[in-house]
Amino acid sequence: MQKLTHALLFAVLLASLSGSVFANPAEEAIRPIQNQWAEIKYRVPEKQQAARYHALAEQAGQLAAAQPNHAEALIWQGIALSSEAGAKGGLGALSIAKAAKKQLEAAIQLNGDALNGSAYTSLGTLYYKVPGWPIGFGDKAKAEELLKKALAINPQGIDPNFFYADYLAGRERYADALRHLEIALKAAPRPGREIADSGRRQEIQALIAKVKKDME
């Protein structure tokens, strides 16, 4: 009985450590970048965001150079660059968006499943946010293809459902958009990403209100 008790205690200890000691080292390495991105996105004044995203992209780039066989840092370099482009706006942001596209494509080549398919979500979002030819590389059909790939990997995730819903709303496919927004709202919390989850849920609620108004 004592041996069984010790075995159970060891199992509990092992389970409690599994989120840290035995976590994916590449994911642990990008955790500070994830946290900084959320701080910038949801707590830094908009006028200051572009410069902060730029610095974050450089930080992620250094990590990607140090871990060339891991997709995670490339994904976050792409996300930071995409965010910088969005914060900067205008035609001057197009070269930054192209740089983000390059990093996200490289991440997919390494491991499209990394970070629950986040590269597909971010790249798909770029394809529907960036202007199309002859100005940019935007492509609505390609965007939907990539966003659906992200959903296939992480069907209950908050981000793939939110961004696909945003895409659908932009195409006036309101009923489908609301369905994915409801899934996004019910997504399980992501440990250590409380700021990002809280901010994203506010965006989801705002988009639900907008979609319902547009349906009237």
Protein backbone atom coordinates (compact mmCIF):
# COMPACT_ATOMS: atom_id res chain seq x y z
CA MET A 1 0.00 0.00 0.00
CA GLN A 2 2.84 2.37 0.86
CA LYS A 3 4.52 1.63 -2.48
CA LEU A 4 1.26 2.36 -4.28
CA THR A 5 0.91 5.66 -2.41
CA HIS A 6 4.44 6.64 -3.36
CA ALA A 7 3.75 5.72 -6.98
CA LEU A 8 0.61 7.86 -7.02
CA LEU A 9 2.45 10.79 -5.47
CA PHE A 10 5.16 10.47 -8.09
CA ALA A 11 2.52 10.44 -10.84
CA VAL A 12 0.94 13.62 -9.47
CA LEU A 13 4.33 15.32 -9.25
CA LEU A 14 5.14 14.25 -12.80
CA ALA A 15 1.86 15.67 -14.03
CA SER A 16 2.47 18.97 -12.24
CA LEU A 17 5.87 19.29 -13.85
CA SER A 18 4.73 18.34 -17.33
CA GLY A 19 3.80 21.93 -18.20
CA SER A 20 7.30 23.21 -17.47
CA VAL A 21 10.14 20.72 -17.18
CA PHE A 22 8.87 18.53 -20.00
CA ALA A 23 7.41 21.29 -22.18
CA ASN A 24 8.60 21.81 -25.75
CA PRO A 25 11.87 23.80 -25.34
CA ALA A 26 11.13 25.81 -28.48
CA GLU A 27 7.72 26.83 -27.11
CA GLU A 28 9.25 27.77 -23.76
CA ALA A 29 11.82 29.93 -25.57
CA ILE A 30 9.15 31.99 -27.33
CA ARG A 31 6.98 32.47 -24.23
CA PRO A 32 8.52 35.90 -23.37
CA ILE A 33 7.88 37.01 -26.96
CA GLN A 34 4.24 35.89 -26.73
CA ASN A 35 3.82 37.83 -23.49
CA GLN A 36 5.45 40.97 -24.88
CA TRP A 37 3.25 40.83 -27.97
CA ALA A 38 0.11 40.70 -25.81
CA GLU A 39 1.33 43.64 -23.73
CA ILE A 40 1.95 45.69 -26.88
CA LYS A 41 -1.31 44.69 -28.55
CA TYR A 42 -3.62 45.32 -25.63
CA ARG A 43 -1.83 47.72 -23.28
CA VAL A 44 0.42 50.02 -25.33
CA PRO A 45 -1.02 53.16 -27.02
CA GLU A 46 -1.53 52.62 -30.74
CA LYS A 47 0.95 55.31 -31.79
CA GLN A 48 3.75 53.49 -29.96
CA GLN A 49 2.94 50.00 -31.18
CA ALA A 50 4.74 49.90 -34.54
CA ALA A 51 8.17 50.59 -33.04
CA ARG A 52 7.58 48.08 -30.26
CA TYR A 53 6.51 45.38 -32.74
CA HIS A 54 9.61 46.11 -34.81
CA ALA A 55 11.86 45.51 -31.80
CA LEU A 56 9.94 42.34 -30.97
CA ALA A 57 10.36 41.04 -34.52
CA GLU A 58 14.12 41.57 -34.25
CA GLN A 59 14.14 39.68 -30.96
CA ALA A 60 12.22 36.79 -32.53
CA GLY A 61 14.58 36.86 -35.52
CA GLN A 62 17.58 36.41 -33.23
CA LEU A 63 15.86 33.45 -31.59
CA ALA A 64 15.01 31.96 -34.99
CA ALA A 65 18.67 32.24 -36.03
CA ALA A 66 19.69 30.43 -32.84
CA GLN A 67 17.06 27.69 -33.43
CA PRO A 68 17.08 27.17 -37.21
CA ASN A 69 15.27 23.83 -37.06
CA HIS A 70 12.30 25.08 -35.05
CA ALA A 71 9.28 26.82 -36.53
CA GLU A 72 8.07 28.52 -33.36
CA ALA A 73 10.40 31.54 -33.43
CA LEU A 74 9.78 32.04 -37.15
CA ILE A 75 6.05 32.07 -36.48
CA TRP A 76 6.41 34.76 -33.86
CA GLN A 77 8.75 36.77 -36.04
CA GLY A 78 6.05 36.64 -38.70
CA ILE A 79 3.33 37.61 -36.23
CA ALA A 80 5.38 40.54 -34.91
CA LEU A 81 6.09 41.75 -38.45
CA SER A 82 2.43 41.38 -39.42
CA SER A 83 1.43 43.36 -36.35
CA GLU A 84 4.00 46.04 -37.18
CA ALA A 85 2.61 46.30 -40.70
CA GLY A 86 -0.92 46.63 -39.34
CA ALA A 87 0.11 49.29 -36.83
CA LYS A 88 2.08 51.25 -39.42
CA GLY A 89 -0.54 51.07 -42.17
CA GLY A 90 -0.42 52.49 -45.68
CA LEU A 91 1.71 51.43 -48.61
CA GLY A 92 4.83 51.78 -46.50
CA ALA A 93 3.72 48.72 -44.54
CA LEU A 94 3.64 46.46 -47.61
CA SER A 95 7.34 45.57 -47.48
CA ILE A 96 6.92 44.60 -43.82
CA ALA A 97 3.92 42.43 -44.68
CA LYS A 98 6.00 40.72 -47.38
CA ALA A 99 8.74 40.02 -44.83
CA ALA A 100 6.11 38.54 -42.49
CA LYS A 101 4.81 36.35 -45.32
CA LYS A 102 8.31 35.02 -45.98
CA GLN A 103 8.88 34.04 -42.34
CA LEU A 104 5.49 32.39 -42.00
CA GLU A 105 6.00 30.40 -45.19
CA ALA A 106 9.40 29.27 -43.89
CA ALA A 107 7.76 28.17 -40.63
CA ILE A 108 5.19 26.11 -42.51
CA GLN A 109 7.98 24.43 -44.47
CA LEU A 110 9.59 23.42 -41.18
CA ASN A 111 6.45 22.40 -39.29
CA GLY A 112 2.99 23.62 -40.22
CA ASP A 113 1.53 22.05 -37.08
CA ALA A 114 3.75 24.08 -34.72
CA LEU A 115 1.88 26.20 -32.16
CA ASN A 116 -1.41 24.58 -33.23
CA GLY A 117 -1.11 25.74 -36.82
CA SER A 118 -0.58 29.41 -35.95
CA ALA A 119 1.48 30.02 -39.08
CA TYR A 120 -1.53 29.13 -41.25
CA THR A 121 -3.77 31.48 -39.22
CA SER A 122 -1.35 34.40 -39.48
CA LEU A 123 -0.52 33.85 -43.14
CA GLY A 124 -4.19 33.48 -44.05
CA THR A 125 -4.94 36.72 -42.24
CA LEU A 126 -2.20 38.48 -44.20
CA TYR A 127 -3.67 37.25 -47.47
CA TYR A 128 -7.05 38.82 -46.75
CA LYS A 129 -5.76 42.01 -45.11
CA VAL A 130 -3.13 42.96 -47.71
CA PRO A 131 -4.34 44.56 -50.97
CA GLY A 132 -4.40 42.34 -54.03
CA TRP A 133 -2.53 42.65 -57.33
CA PRO A 134 -1.09 44.94 -58.64
CA ILE A 135 -0.44 46.62 -55.29
CA GLY A 136 0.15 43.64 -53.02
CA PHE A 137 -0.11 39.87 -52.71
CA GLY A 138 -3.60 39.76 -51.18
CA ASP A 139 -5.78 36.88 -52.32
CA LYS A 140 -9.16 36.08 -50.69
CA ALA A 141 -9.31 32.50 -52.00
CA LYS A 142 -5.80 31.76 -50.73
CA ALA A 143 -6.71 33.35 -47.40
CA GLU A 144 -9.67 31.02 -46.93
CA GLU A 145 -7.60 27.99 -47.88
CA LEU A 146 -4.98 28.81 -45.25
CA LEU A 147 -7.49 29.70 -42.55
CA LYS A 148 -9.27 26.39 -43.10
CA LYS A 149 -5.97 24.56 -42.71
CA ALA A 150 -5.48 26.31 -39.37
CA LEU A 151 -8.96 25.23 -38.28
CA ALA A 152 -8.29 21.64 -39.32
CA ILE A 153 -5.31 21.63 -36.95
CA ASN A 154 -6.99 23.52 -34.10
CA PRO A 155 -10.78 23.40 -34.64
CA GLN A 156 -11.70 24.74 -31.19
CA GLY A 157 -8.97 27.37 -30.93
CA ILE A 158 -9.75 30.98 -30.13
CA ASP A 159 -7.49 32.52 -32.79
CA PRO A 160 -8.27 30.39 -35.87
CA ASN A 161 -12.00 30.73 -35.24
CA PHE A 162 -11.80 34.48 -34.62
CA PHE A 163 -9.74 35.24 -37.71
CA TYR A 164 -11.82 32.97 -39.94
CA ALA A 165 -14.93 34.69 -38.60
CA ASP A 166 -13.38 38.09 -39.36
CA TYR A 167 -12.68 36.91 -42.90
CA LEU A 168 -16.24 35.57 -43.28
CA ALA A 169 -17.74 38.81 -41.97
CA GLY A 170 -15.74 40.73 -44.55
CA ARG A 171 -17.27 38.50 -47.23
CA GLU A 172 -20.77 39.10 -45.80
CA ARG A 173 -21.11 35.44 -44.79
CA TYR A 174 -22.59 36.51 -41.49
CA ALA A 175 -24.22 33.29 -40.25
CA ASP A 176 -20.98 31.34 -40.64
CA ALA A 177 -19.04 34.18 -39.03
CA LEU A 178 -21.29 34.10 -35.95
CA ARG A 179 -20.92 30.34 -35.66
CA HIS A 180 -17.14 30.59 -35.55
CA LEU A 181 -17.27 33.53 -33.15
CA GLU A 182 -19.34 31.43 -30.73
CA ILE A 183 -16.75 28.65 -30.94
CA ALA A 184 -13.99 31.19 -30.29
CA LEU A 185 -15.78 32.47 -27.19
CA LYS A 186 -15.97 28.95 -25.79
CA ALA A 187 -12.30 28.19 -26.42
CA ALA A 188 -10.35 26.82 -23.48
CA PRO A 189 -8.10 29.33 -21.68
CA ARG A 190 -4.43 29.20 -22.68
CA PRO A 191 -2.21 28.94 -19.58
CA GLY A 192 0.19 31.87 -19.37
CA ARG A 193 -1.65 33.83 -22.06
CA GLU A 194 -4.29 35.49 -19.95
CA ILE A 195 -3.72 38.99 -21.39
CA ALA A 196 -3.99 37.70 -24.96
CA ASP A 197 -7.12 35.68 -24.18
CA SER A 198 -8.82 38.59 -22.43
CA GLY A 199 -8.02 41.00 -25.24
CA ARG A 200 -9.10 38.56 -27.92
CA ARG A 201 -12.42 37.91 -26.20
CA GLN A 202 -13.12 41.63 -26.20
CA GLU A 203 -12.44 41.66 -29.95
CA ILE A 204 -14.75 38.69 -30.42
CA GLN A 205 -17.57 40.43 -28.57
CA ALA A 206 -17.06 43.57 -30.63
CA LEU A 207 -17.16 41.59 -33.88
CA ILE A 208 -20.30 39.74 -32.79
CA ALA A 209 -22.02 43.06 -32.19
CA LYS A 210 -20.87 44.39 -35.57
CA VAL A 211 -21.98 41.27 -37.45
CA LYS A 212 -25.41 41.31 -35.81
CA LYS A 213 -25.82 44.98 -36.71
CA ASP A 214 -24.78 44.32 -40.32
CA MET A 215 -27.36 41.51 -40.52
CA GLU A 216 -30.24 43.84 -39.64
